[in-house]
Structure formats: structure tokens, C-alpha cells
Protein backbone atom coordinates (compact mmCIF):
# COMPACT_ATOMS: atom_id res chain seq x y z
CA MET A 1 87.97 136.86 -129.75
CA ASN A 2 87.07 133.95 -127.54
CA TYR A 3 87.61 134.54 -123.47
CA PRO A 4 90.48 132.04 -122.17
CA ALA A 5 89.70 128.99 -120.80
CA ARG A 6 89.72 128.86 -116.69
CA VAL A 7 88.18 126.98 -113.79
CA ILE A 8 84.56 128.89 -113.29
CA SER A 9 83.40 126.81 -110.64
CA ILE A 10 83.96 124.13 -107.71
CA LYS A 11 80.47 122.75 -106.43
CA ASP A 12 78.56 119.58 -106.21
CA ASN A 13 81.55 117.01 -106.95
CA LEU A 14 81.65 118.97 -110.17
CA ILE A 15 84.49 121.06 -111.61
CA LYS A 16 83.54 123.37 -114.18
CA ILE A 17 85.91 125.54 -116.83
CA SER A 18 84.45 127.39 -119.54
CA GLY A 19 86.41 129.47 -121.99
CA TYR A 20 88.95 128.21 -125.04
CA ILE A 21 90.38 125.45 -124.30
CA ASN A 22 92.97 124.29 -126.85
CA ASP A 23 92.89 121.08 -128.21
CA ASP A 24 96.23 119.89 -126.58
CA SER A 25 94.57 121.29 -122.90
CA LYS A 26 91.07 119.56 -123.82
CA ASP A 27 93.20 116.35 -124.75
CA ARG A 28 95.69 116.25 -121.68
CA LEU A 29 92.12 116.79 -119.66
CA LEU A 30 89.95 114.13 -122.04
CA LYS A 31 92.58 111.27 -120.53
CA ARG A 32 93.35 112.58 -117.17
CA CYS A 33 90.14 113.17 -116.11
CA ASP A 34 86.10 111.53 -115.79
CA ILE A 35 84.48 114.21 -118.12
CA LYS A 36 80.89 114.65 -117.27
CA GLU A 37 79.40 117.27 -120.39
CA ILE A 38 80.97 119.04 -123.17
CA THR A 39 79.50 122.04 -125.43
CA ASP A 40 81.23 124.66 -127.00
CA ASN A 41 83.67 126.37 -124.82
CA GLU A 42 82.75 124.18 -121.93
CA LEU A 43 83.76 121.41 -119.67
CA VAL A 44 82.46 119.46 -116.60
CA ILE A 45 84.92 117.38 -114.83
CA THR A 46 83.39 114.91 -112.00
CA TYR A 47 84.86 113.43 -109.08
CA LYS A 48 84.28 111.61 -106.21
CA SER A 49 84.57 113.55 -102.94
CA SER A 50 87.11 111.70 -100.67
CA ALA A 51 86.23 114.20 -97.34
CA HIS A 52 82.49 116.16 -96.42
CA ASP A 53 85.00 119.68 -95.90
CA ALA A 54 86.29 121.28 -99.22
CA PHE A 55 90.17 122.09 -98.19
CA SER A 56 90.50 118.18 -96.97
CA ASP A 57 88.88 116.49 -99.72
CA THR A 58 92.39 115.40 -101.57
CA THR A 59 90.43 113.90 -104.78
CA LEU A 60 89.24 117.68 -105.47
CA ILE A 61 92.98 119.24 -104.57
CA ASP A 62 94.30 116.74 -107.19
CA LYS A 63 91.87 117.42 -109.72
CA LEU A 64 92.52 120.70 -108.76
CA LEU A 65 96.51 120.20 -109.36
CA LEU A 66 96.08 118.71 -112.26
CA ILE A 67 93.91 121.18 -113.92
CA ARG A 68 96.90 124.10 -113.09
CA ASP A 69 99.21 121.43 -114.71
CA ILE A 70 97.72 121.60 -118.09
CA GLY A 71 98.21 125.84 -117.25
CA ILE A 72 94.44 126.31 -116.81
CA PRO A 73 94.24 129.67 -114.66
CA PHE A 74 91.19 129.97 -111.67
CA GLY A 75 88.27 132.20 -112.09
CA GLU A 76 87.74 135.62 -109.63
CA ASP A 77 84.45 135.91 -109.02
CA HIS A 78 83.78 138.35 -106.04
CA LYS A 79 80.05 137.42 -105.91
CA VAL A 80 80.73 134.25 -104.71
CA ILE A 81 82.59 133.28 -101.07
CA TYR A 82 84.86 131.23 -102.56
CA SER A 83 85.01 131.41 -106.53
CA PRO A 84 87.67 128.72 -107.95
CA ALA A 85 90.80 131.49 -107.35
CA GLU A 86 90.19 131.97 -103.55
CA PHE A 87 89.64 128.44 -102.81
CA MET A 88 93.59 128.06 -104.35
CA ARG A 89 94.47 131.26 -102.21
CA GLU A 90 92.63 129.73 -98.93
CA LEU A 91 94.69 126.34 -100.09
CA LEU A 92 98.11 127.76 -99.38
CA GLY A 93 97.01 130.22 -96.68
CA ARG A 94 96.04 127.14 -94.99
CA GLY A 95 100.02 125.59 -95.61
CA TYR A 96 99.41 123.12 -98.43
CA LYS A 97 101.79 123.38 -100.47
CA ILE A 98 100.30 123.23 -103.63
CA GLY A 99 103.24 125.56 -105.44
CA GLN A 100 102.50 128.53 -108.50
CA PHE A 101 98.70 128.76 -109.79
CA LYS A 102 97.71 131.73 -112.13
CA THR A 103 94.15 133.29 -111.43
CA ILE A 104 92.57 135.11 -114.04
CA ASN A 105 89.26 137.90 -113.27
CA GLY A 106 87.08 139.09 -115.69
CA SER A 107 89.28 141.90 -117.46
CA ARG A 108 91.28 139.22 -118.29
CA ILE A 109 94.19 139.87 -116.19
CA VAL A 110 96.18 136.81 -115.20
CA ARG A 111 97.99 136.82 -111.22
CA GLU A 112 100.14 134.26 -110.25
CA PHE A 113 100.26 132.80 -106.64
CA GLY A 114 102.43 130.47 -104.78
């Protein structure tokens, strides 16, 4: 069984998604995002930063909300300071009205926030 799709990293103007991405989600991402690389169960979305501070980068935040709208959860990774899931929770904590989003951990437990 394939691991479900999830955002696994956000860095250097790249958003990396890994896991099984269904055809509908993949098509929607391809139509709305700049894709740098696609391999089996992995794709990289590029974006051009609009600010030096990631928490003020509206281009990044808009891409993440698009990914959220497509239904892809944000991965938990407690080995890094800001996993994609933690980044989204931090946006909420800073008062951004980003709506609901899902996170997923290594045990495939999905949680909703927002």
C-alpha cells in the first residue's frame, strides 16, 4: 500500500509532495502550479518568493492554500524546526485566516486544524 500524498518540505522556493498522488489531484496541481520535477510518487512545485520572511510570503502561502484546497495534507516531521504541518499551524497562530487544513504523521494519522 502506498503512503498517501503529503507535503514533506517547504524550502528554497520549493514545495515537495511525496506519496501516492491520485490522478485528479495531480492534474489539478499540474494545471495550477509550476512543476519542477515529477518522479514516481514525488513532485516538486516551484514558486517565486515575494518576501524574505516565509511567514510574510504571500506567494508561498497562496501555493500552500492551493495544495490544501486540492486535499493534500501537510506532513509532520518533528526532526525539523518547521515541518509543513508546523508551518501551517504557525500561520494560524500568527492570525492568518487560512481555513481548515489536514496534517499527517508517520503513522498515517490525519488531523484537522483551523
